[in-house]
Protein backbone atom coordinates (compact mmCIF):
# COMPACT_ATOMS: atom_id res chain seq x y z
CA MET A 1 3.22 -10.08 2.04
CA GLN A 2 1.07 -7.25 3.39
CA ASP A 3 -2.56 -6.75 2.43
CA PHE A 4 -3.83 -3.32 3.48
CA ARG A 5 -7.23 -4.12 2.02
CA LYS A 6 -8.01 -5.98 5.24
CA ILE A 7 -8.05 -2.76 7.28
CA PRO A 8 -11.72 -2.10 8.13
CA THR A 9 -13.75 1.02 7.40
CA VAL A 10 -13.48 3.61 10.17
CA LEU A 11 -16.65 5.35 11.37
CA THR A 12 -16.87 9.11 11.88
CA ALA A 13 -17.38 10.38 15.43
CA GLU A 14 -21.10 10.86 14.78
CA GLU A 15 -21.47 7.33 13.38
CA LEU A 16 -19.51 5.78 16.25
CA ILE A 17 -21.51 7.63 18.92
CA ASP A 18 -24.72 6.47 17.25
CA LYS A 19 -23.46 2.86 17.12
CA ILE A 20 -22.50 2.82 20.82
CA PHE A 21 -25.65 4.50 22.11
CA ARG A 22 -28.01 2.45 19.92
CA ARG A 23 -26.53 -0.70 21.40
CA ALA A 24 -26.84 0.71 24.91
CA ALA A 25 -30.47 1.75 24.28
CA ARG A 26 -31.47 -1.86 23.64
CA VAL A 27 -30.20 -3.06 27.01
CA GLU A 28 -32.72 -3.92 29.74
CA GLY A 29 -32.59 -4.76 33.46
CA ARG A 30 -34.84 -5.87 36.32
CA ASN A 31 -34.74 -2.41 37.88
CA PRO A 32 -33.41 1.11 37.09
CA LYS A 33 -30.05 0.45 38.80
CA GLU A 34 -29.42 -2.83 36.97
CA ARG A 35 -30.55 -1.32 33.66
CA ALA A 36 -28.18 1.62 34.13
CA LEU A 37 -25.23 -0.66 34.98
CA ASN A 38 -25.99 -2.82 31.95
CA LYS A 39 -26.04 0.26 29.71
CA LEU A 40 -22.69 1.41 31.09
CA SER A 41 -21.24 -2.07 30.55
CA THR A 42 -22.46 -2.00 26.94
CA ILE A 43 -20.91 1.44 26.32
CA SER A 44 -17.62 0.16 27.74
CA ASN A 45 -17.61 -3.08 25.73
CA VAL A 46 -18.77 -1.67 22.38
CA SER A 47 -16.32 1.23 22.43
CA ARG A 48 -13.40 -0.90 23.64
CA ASN A 49 -14.03 -3.64 21.07
CA TYR A 50 -14.40 -1.12 18.25
CA PHE A 51 -11.18 0.75 19.02
CA LYS A 52 -9.33 -2.54 19.51
CA LYS A 53 -10.53 -3.79 16.11
CA ILE A 54 -9.29 -0.68 14.31
CA ILE A 55 -5.96 -0.43 16.14
CA GLU A 56 -5.10 -4.13 15.82
CA ALA A 57 -5.99 -4.17 12.10
CA HIS A 58 -2.99 -1.94 11.46
CA PRO A 59 0.42 -3.61 11.27
CA SER A 60 3.48 -2.48 13.21
CA TYR A 61 4.62 0.10 10.67
CA ASP A 62 8.20 0.15 11.96
CA SER A 63 8.45 -3.61 11.42
CA LEU A 64 7.14 -3.69 7.85
CA PRO A 65 9.47 -4.74 5.01
CA ASP A 66 11.20 -1.71 3.49
CA PHE A 67 8.99 -1.46 0.40
CA TYR A 68 5.71 -1.47 2.32
CA ARG A 69 6.97 0.87 5.04
CA ASP A 70 8.26 3.43 2.54
CA MET A 71 5.15 3.07 0.40
CA VAL A 72 2.84 3.76 3.36
CA ASP A 73 4.96 6.78 4.23
CA VAL A 74 4.62 8.15 0.69
CA VAL A 75 0.90 7.42 0.45
CA VAL A 76 -0.33 8.65 3.86
CA GLY A 77 2.58 9.32 6.23
CA ILE A 78 3.52 6.89 9.00
CA ARG A 79 3.83 9.66 11.61
CA ASN A 80 0.25 10.73 10.89
CA LEU A 81 -0.96 7.14 11.18
CA LYS A 82 0.75 6.63 14.53
CA LYS A 83 -0.65 9.92 15.85
CA SER A 84 -4.21 9.00 14.84
CA LEU A 85 -3.99 5.46 16.23
CA ALA A 86 -2.64 6.90 19.50
CA ALA A 87 -5.66 9.22 19.62
CA LEU A 88 -7.98 6.19 19.41
CA LYS A 89 -6.07 4.51 22.23
CA TRP A 90 -6.39 7.69 24.30
CA ALA A 91 -10.14 7.91 23.65
CA ASN A 92 -10.65 4.29 24.66
CA GLY A 93 -8.75 4.82 27.91
CA MET A 94 -10.75 7.96 28.74
CA ILE A 95 -14.09 6.26 28.01
CA GLN A 96 -13.18 3.34 30.27
CA LYS A 97 -12.30 5.75 33.08
CA VAL A 98 -15.59 7.64 32.67
CA VAL A 99 -17.60 4.40 32.72
CA THR A 100 -15.72 3.06 35.77
CA LYS A 101 -16.39 6.28 37.66
CA SER A 102 -20.06 6.20 36.67
CA VAL A 103 -20.44 2.60 37.87
CA ARG A 104 -18.99 3.60 41.24
CA GLU A 105 -21.41 6.53 41.48
CA ILE A 106 -24.44 4.30 40.82
CA LYS A 107 -23.27 1.70 43.31
CA SER A 108 -22.80 4.44 45.91
CA GLY A 109 -26.43 5.43 45.54
CA LYS A 110 -26.57 8.21 42.96
CA ASN A 111 -29.59 8.47 40.64
CA PRO A 112 -28.94 5.84 37.89
CA SER A 113 -30.69 7.70 35.07
CA MET A 114 -28.88 10.96 35.87
CA VAL A 115 -25.51 9.18 35.96
CA VAL A 116 -26.17 7.44 32.63
CA LYS A 117 -27.25 10.70 31.02
CA ALA A 118 -24.07 12.44 32.22
CA THR A 119 -21.99 9.48 30.98
CA TYR A 120 -23.53 9.74 27.53
CA GLY A 121 -22.49 13.37 27.35
CA ARG A 122 -18.92 12.73 28.46
CA VAL A 123 -18.47 9.75 26.13
CA ALA A 124 -19.86 11.70 23.16
CA SER A 125 -17.51 14.60 23.96
CA ILE A 126 -14.46 12.30 24.03
CA ILE A 127 -15.33 10.70 20.69
CA GLU A 128 -16.04 14.08 19.08
CA GLN A 129 -12.51 15.17 20.03
CA ILE A 130 -11.03 12.46 17.79
CA ASP A 131 -13.30 13.00 14.79
CA ASP A 132 -10.40 14.34 12.66
CA GLU A 133 -8.31 11.27 13.50
CA LEU A 134 -11.16 8.89 12.69
CA ARG A 135 -11.72 10.60 9.33
CA PHE A 136 -7.99 10.54 8.58
CA LEU A 137 -7.73 6.82 9.34
CA ASN A 138 -10.63 6.03 7.04
CA ASP A 139 -9.12 8.11 4.24
CA ALA A 140 -5.73 6.45 4.89
CA LYS A 141 -7.37 3.03 4.69
CA ASN A 142 -8.81 3.89 1.28
CA ARG A 143 -5.49 5.20 -0.02
CA MET A 144 -3.46 2.27 1.33
CA ARG A 145 -5.66 -0.07 -0.70
CA GLU A 146 -3.63 1.25 -3.65
CA ILE A 147 -0.55 -0.58 -2.33
CA PRO A 148 -0.40 -3.93 -4.15
CA VAL A 149 -0.10 -7.31 -2.48
CA LEU A 150 3.18 -8.75 -3.73
CA LEU A 151 4.64 -12.24 -3.53
CA ASP A 152 8.06 -13.45 -2.41
CA VAL A 153 9.17 -14.46 -5.91
CA PRO A 154 11.82 -13.12 -8.33
CA THR A 155 10.64 -9.76 -9.61
CA VAL A 156 11.07 -7.85 -12.87
CA VAL A 157 10.26 -4.13 -12.58
CA VAL A 158 9.41 -2.43 -15.86
CA ALA A 159 10.48 1.24 -15.90
CA GLY A 160 10.71 4.17 -18.25
CA TYR A 161 9.10 7.48 -19.17
CA PRO A 162 5.29 7.75 -19.25
CA ASN A 163 3.50 6.41 -22.35
CA VAL A 164 6.48 4.49 -23.74
CA GLY A 165 4.61 1.16 -23.78
CA LYS A 166 5.40 -0.40 -20.39
CA SER A 167 1.90 -1.68 -19.63
CA SER A 168 1.52 -3.37 -23.01
CA LEU A 169 4.86 -5.12 -22.51
CA VAL A 170 3.82 -6.40 -19.07
CA ALA A 171 0.63 -7.80 -20.61
CA LEU A 172 2.60 -9.43 -23.45
CA ILE A 173 5.22 -11.17 -21.29
CA SER A 174 2.84 -12.12 -18.47
CA THR A 175 1.53 -15.39 -19.81
CA VAL A 176 -0.75 -16.14 -16.86
CA LYS A 177 -3.41 -13.62 -17.83
CA PRO A 178 -5.98 -14.39 -15.08
CA GLU A 179 -3.38 -13.44 -12.46
CA VAL A 180 -2.84 -9.94 -13.80
CA ALA A 181 -4.36 -7.36 -11.45
CA SER A 182 -4.60 -3.57 -11.58
CA TYR A 183 -4.27 -1.26 -8.60
CA PRO A 184 -5.26 2.41 -8.92
CA PHE A 185 -2.40 4.83 -8.26
CA THR A 186 -4.30 8.12 -8.32
CA THR A 187 -4.39 8.80 -12.09
CA LYS A 188 -1.90 5.99 -12.74
CA LYS A 189 -1.99 2.22 -12.42
CA ILE A 190 0.55 -0.35 -11.34
CA ASN A 191 0.01 -3.68 -13.08
CA VAL A 192 1.28 -6.90 -11.55
CA GLY A 193 1.55 -9.98 -13.72
CA PHE A 194 3.18 -13.41 -13.43
CA ALA A 195 5.07 -15.64 -15.84
CA GLU A 196 7.45 -18.60 -15.74
CA PHE A 197 11.12 -18.18 -16.62
CA ALA A 198 13.71 -20.94 -16.26
CA GLY A 199 11.18 -23.01 -14.34
CA ARG A 200 10.58 -20.28 -11.78
CA ARG A 201 7.51 -18.16 -11.19
CA VAL A 202 8.44 -14.53 -11.79
CA GLN A 203 6.48 -11.43 -10.79
CA ILE A 204 6.40 -8.61 -13.34
CA ILE A 205 5.57 -5.09 -12.15
CA ASP A 206 4.66 -2.13 -14.32
CA THR A 207 5.57 1.16 -12.61
CA PRO A 208 4.13 4.64 -13.07
CA GLY A 209 6.17 6.65 -15.55
CA LEU A 210 9.38 8.30 -14.37
CA LEU A 211 10.74 11.64 -15.47
CA ASP A 212 14.38 12.60 -15.80
CA ARG A 213 14.78 14.91 -12.81
CA PRO A 214 16.34 14.76 -9.34
CA LEU A 215 14.68 12.41 -6.82
CA SER A 216 13.86 15.36 -4.52
CA LYS A 217 11.75 16.93 -7.28
CA ARG A 218 9.75 13.83 -8.14
CA ASN A 219 6.05 13.74 -7.29
CA LYS A 220 4.39 11.03 -5.19
CA ILE A 221 3.49 8.89 -8.20
CA GLU A 222 7.10 8.90 -9.42
CA ARG A 223 8.39 8.16 -5.93
CA ARG A 224 6.28 5.00 -5.88
CA ALA A 225 8.07 3.84 -9.02
CA ILE A 226 11.42 4.59 -7.35
CA LEU A 227 10.40 2.48 -4.33
CA ALA A 228 9.53 -0.45 -6.60
CA LEU A 229 12.94 -0.19 -8.28
CA LYS A 230 14.77 0.18 -4.97
CA HIS A 231 13.09 -2.52 -2.90
CA LEU A 232 11.49 -4.99 -5.31
CA ALA A 233 13.48 -5.26 -8.52
CA ASP A 234 15.71 -8.24 -9.11
CA ILE A 235 15.78 -7.30 -12.79
CA ILE A 236 15.03 -3.88 -14.28
CA LEU A 237 13.39 -3.91 -17.72
CA PHE A 238 13.80 -0.39 -19.11
CA VAL A 239 11.56 0.59 -22.02
CA ILE A 240 12.68 3.24 -24.53
CA ASP A 241 10.44 4.80 -27.17
CA PRO A 242 12.82 5.83 -29.99
CA THR A 243 9.92 7.26 -32.02
CA GLU A 244 9.42 9.90 -29.30
CA THR A 245 5.65 9.59 -29.81
CA CYS A 246 5.43 9.25 -26.03
CA GLY A 247 6.14 12.98 -25.91
CA TYR A 248 9.69 12.76 -24.57
CA ALA A 249 12.98 13.11 -26.46
CA LEU A 250 15.13 10.01 -26.88
CA GLU A 251 18.03 11.89 -25.28
CA LYS A 252 16.03 12.42 -22.09
CA GLN A 253 14.96 8.78 -22.01
CA LEU A 254 18.56 7.61 -22.33
CA SER A 255 19.61 10.05 -19.62
CA LEU A 256 17.03 8.53 -17.27
CA LEU A 257 18.30 5.05 -18.16
CA GLU A 258 21.86 6.00 -17.19
CA GLU A 259 20.63 7.53 -13.93
CA ILE A 260 18.76 4.34 -13.02
CA LYS A 261 21.74 2.13 -13.92
CA SER A 262 24.07 4.21 -11.76
CA TYR A 263 21.64 4.43 -8.84
CA PHE A 264 20.44 0.82 -8.77
CA SER A 265 23.09 -1.89 -9.07
CA LYS A 266 20.77 -4.46 -10.59
CA PRO A 267 20.71 -6.39 -13.89
CA THR A 268 19.08 -4.11 -16.48
CA ILE A 269 17.57 -5.12 -19.81
CA GLU A 270 17.16 -2.21 -22.25
CA VAL A 271 14.47 -2.55 -24.93
CA TYR A 272 12.85 -0.43 -27.61
CA SER A 273 9.08 -0.23 -27.86
CA LYS A 274 6.91 0.44 -30.95
CA ALA A 275 9.14 -1.65 -33.23
CA ASP A 276 6.57 -1.41 -36.02
CA LEU A 277 7.26 2.35 -36.23
CA HIS A 278 11.08 2.41 -36.46
CA GLU A 279 14.12 0.46 -37.67
CA LYS A 280 16.42 0.73 -34.62
CA ARG A 281 17.62 -2.74 -33.61
CA ASP A 282 20.82 -2.15 -31.59
CA LYS A 283 18.73 -3.23 -28.59
CA PRO A 284 15.89 -5.75 -28.45
CA ALA A 285 12.81 -4.12 -29.98
CA TYR A 286 9.22 -5.17 -29.56
CA SER A 287 5.86 -4.24 -30.98
CA ALA A 288 2.62 -4.57 -29.08
CA ILE A 289 0.88 -4.50 -32.48
CA THR A 290 2.77 -7.23 -34.34
CA GLY A 291 4.27 -9.17 -31.41
CA GLU A 292 7.79 -8.75 -32.82
CA GLY A 293 10.59 -9.07 -30.26
CA ILE A 294 8.58 -10.52 -27.38
CA ASP A 295 10.30 -13.91 -27.54
CA GLU A 296 13.72 -12.22 -27.55
CA ILE A 297 12.85 -10.18 -24.45
CA ARG A 298 11.55 -13.28 -22.68
CA LYS A 299 14.85 -15.05 -23.46
CA GLU A 300 16.82 -12.13 -22.00
CA ILE A 301 14.81 -12.31 -18.77
CA GLU A 302 15.18 -16.09 -18.67
CA LYS A 303 18.98 -15.81 -18.98
CA ILE A 304 19.24 -13.60 -15.91
CA VAL A 305 16.79 -15.68 -13.87
CA LYS A 306 18.79 -18.80 -14.78
CA ILE A 307 22.08 -17.17 -13.73
CA HIS A 308 20.61 -16.27 -10.35
CA SER A 309 19.24 -19.79 -9.94
CA GLN A 310 22.63 -21.35 -10.66
CA THR A 311 24.62 -19.17 -8.26
CA SER A 312 24.63 -19.06 -4.49
CA THR A 313 23.23 -15.52 -4.55
CA GLU A 314 19.49 -15.75 -4.27
CA ILE A 315 17.23 -13.18 -5.85
CA ALA A 316 15.96 -10.95 -3.03
CA PRO A 317 12.35 -11.59 -2.02
CA SER A 318 9.85 -8.87 -2.85
CA GLY A 319 9.62 -6.18 -0.22
CA GLN A 320 13.08 -6.95 1.17
CA THR A 321 16.50 -5.52 0.44
CA SER A 322 19.23 -7.61 -1.15
CA THR A 323 22.78 -7.61 0.24
CA GLN A 324 23.93 -5.90 -2.92
CA GLU A 325 21.38 -3.13 -2.51
CA GLN A 326 22.20 -2.57 1.15
CA HIS A 327 25.72 -1.61 0.22
CA SER A 328 24.93 0.27 -2.95
């Protein structure tokens, strides 16, 4: 489980300079030399502690489970994160060197107030050089909050074209309503709900809508859905709108279904949505309006969960890759 919401807000260069120098301004001493040394010590401590807090709040991105690592890469770019965090480490090292040199100068007899004034200028210059990185890290922090916190439980990923009725199905089969949470995905949302099947707690994830086109041509929102299917799904629940009121032809929806089945070797349940608007029943059909078909879909999920529970093959934990997937 990885919770990116714990990453703290990152100050801009101007805000950080103000924070450090305000703290230093409050420091006193028995004489000018002691006061100057105390100010330098404060600059060193405040800057070091701040940079340490930001850097250590970030996980080791190379060691994250596959889903989280790939998701971070899609949302902000891991290379960019590493570059910006390295810039903070560089700035901290440079500030410590400047302060150490200034302390030596004061102890050797140089004018304390002149040394402190020069140190302020050098420290401010160093921090200003990493303003872009500080701003990027704060923006990255805000965007990574979109990545949901998932549990290590069997997971059903609901997929299909946009507007076919995925979110309503997740709400209907997730019986534990208070545990349903929404995470903003730009103009989309991923809904995570929980329910019990065959005596096991099961996580149900609604993905942003997918379109029937090559993976290389998918946008970032669609790629997030692909990552959920690839890394999280123990069961894929594919929703088809045979009425085509979603705006997409049935033929295209079925084509996407076949692509997903061939690409992901995972149990797949195919269902029709909007059952109150059509008569097709060659697959389980449900209606968010009348509630028709919901029990049948729940039974289908329960069957697969039960099969997994009774075999030696465990359902892969969320965020990790199953043996089957590794070789697919």
